[in-house]
């Protein structure tokens, strides 16, 4: 069980990173379109 906790945190961090990356990408696209 102790080995699954780190992987969960890692997965959550990766998800957050991907979400922020996508958000930044879309934000730049919107700015460039404007």
N, C-alpha and C. Protein backbone atom coordinates (compact mmCIF):
# COMPACT_ATOMS: atom_id res chain seq x y z
N UNK A 1 0.83 -1.20 0.00
CA UNK A 1 0.00 0.00 0.00
C UNK A 1 0.87 1.26 0.00
N UNK A 2 2.01 1.19 0.68
CA UNK A 2 2.89 2.36 0.76
C UNK A 2 3.51 2.67 -0.61
N UNK A 3 3.56 1.67 -1.47
CA UNK A 3 4.16 1.88 -2.80
C UNK A 3 3.15 2.49 -3.77
N UNK A 4 1.86 2.40 -3.44
CA UNK A 4 0.84 2.94 -4.34
C UNK A 4 0.62 4.43 -4.09
N UNK A 5 0.95 4.87 -2.88
CA UNK A 5 0.73 6.28 -2.55
C UNK A 5 1.61 7.19 -3.42
N UNK A 6 2.92 6.95 -3.51
CA UNK A 6 3.79 7.79 -4.36
C UNK A 6 3.33 7.81 -5.81
N UNK A 7 2.93 6.66 -6.32
CA UNK A 7 2.50 6.59 -7.73
C UNK A 7 1.25 7.44 -7.92
N UNK A 8 0.37 7.43 -6.91
CA UNK A 8 -0.86 8.24 -7.01
C UNK A 8 -0.48 9.72 -7.07
N UNK A 9 0.43 10.13 -6.19
CA UNK A 9 0.86 11.53 -6.18
C UNK A 9 1.52 11.89 -7.52
N UNK A 10 2.35 10.97 -8.01
CA UNK A 10 3.05 11.20 -9.28
C UNK A 10 2.04 11.36 -10.41
N UNK A 11 1.01 10.49 -10.41
CA UNK A 11 0.00 10.55 -11.46
C UNK A 11 -0.76 11.87 -11.39
N UNK A 12 -1.08 12.28 -10.14
CA UNK A 12 -1.82 13.53 -9.95
C UNK A 12 -0.98 14.71 -10.45
N UNK A 13 0.31 14.69 -10.12
CA UNK A 13 1.21 15.77 -10.55
C UNK A 13 1.29 15.81 -12.08
N UNK A 14 1.40 14.65 -12.70
CA UNK A 14 1.47 14.59 -14.17
C UNK A 14 0.19 15.15 -14.78
N UNK A 15 -0.95 14.79 -14.18
CA UNK A 15 -2.23 15.28 -14.69
C UNK A 15 -2.28 16.80 -14.59
N UNK A 16 -1.88 17.34 -13.44
CA UNK A 16 -1.89 18.78 -13.24
C UNK A 16 -0.97 19.47 -14.24
N UNK A 17 0.21 18.89 -14.45
CA UNK A 17 1.18 19.47 -15.38
C UNK A 17 0.59 19.48 -16.79
N UNK A 18 -0.02 18.36 -17.19
CA UNK A 18 -0.61 18.27 -18.53
C UNK A 18 -1.73 19.29 -18.68
N UNK A 19 -2.57 19.42 -17.64
CA UNK A 19 -3.69 20.38 -17.69
C UNK A 19 -3.17 21.80 -17.84
N UNK A 20 -2.16 22.16 -17.05
CA UNK A 20 -1.61 23.52 -17.11
C UNK A 20 -0.96 23.75 -18.48
N UNK A 21 -0.31 22.71 -19.00
CA UNK A 21 0.35 22.83 -20.31
C UNK A 21 -0.70 23.09 -21.39
N UNK A 22 -1.79 22.31 -21.34
CA UNK A 22 -2.86 22.48 -22.33
C UNK A 22 -3.49 23.87 -22.18
N UNK A 23 -3.71 24.29 -20.94
CA UNK A 23 -4.31 25.60 -20.69
C UNK A 23 -3.43 26.71 -21.25
N UNK A 24 -2.13 26.62 -21.01
CA UNK A 24 -1.21 27.64 -21.53
C UNK A 24 -1.22 27.63 -23.05
N UNK A 25 -1.25 26.44 -23.66
CA UNK A 25 -1.26 26.32 -25.11
C UNK A 25 -2.49 26.99 -25.69
N UNK A 26 -3.67 26.67 -25.12
CA UNK A 26 -4.93 27.26 -25.61
C UNK A 26 -4.91 28.76 -25.38
N UNK A 27 -4.38 29.21 -24.24
CA UNK A 27 -4.31 30.65 -23.95
C UNK A 27 -3.48 31.36 -25.00
N UNK A 28 -2.32 30.79 -25.35
CA UNK A 28 -1.46 31.39 -26.38
C UNK A 28 -2.18 31.41 -27.72
N UNK A 29 -2.92 30.34 -28.02
CA UNK A 29 -3.64 30.27 -29.29
C UNK A 29 -4.70 31.37 -29.34
N UNK A 30 -5.43 31.53 -28.24
CA UNK A 30 -6.48 32.56 -28.19
C UNK A 30 -5.87 33.94 -28.37
N UNK A 31 -4.73 34.18 -27.71
CA UNK A 31 -4.06 35.48 -27.81
C UNK A 31 -3.61 35.72 -29.25
N UNK A 32 -3.05 34.67 -29.87
CA UNK A 32 -2.54 34.82 -31.24
C UNK A 32 -3.71 35.05 -32.21
N UNK A 33 -4.86 34.40 -31.94
CA UNK A 33 -6.02 34.56 -32.81
C UNK A 33 -6.52 36.01 -32.72
N UNK A 34 -6.54 36.55 -31.49
CA UNK A 34 -7.00 37.91 -31.29
C UNK A 34 -6.00 38.86 -31.94
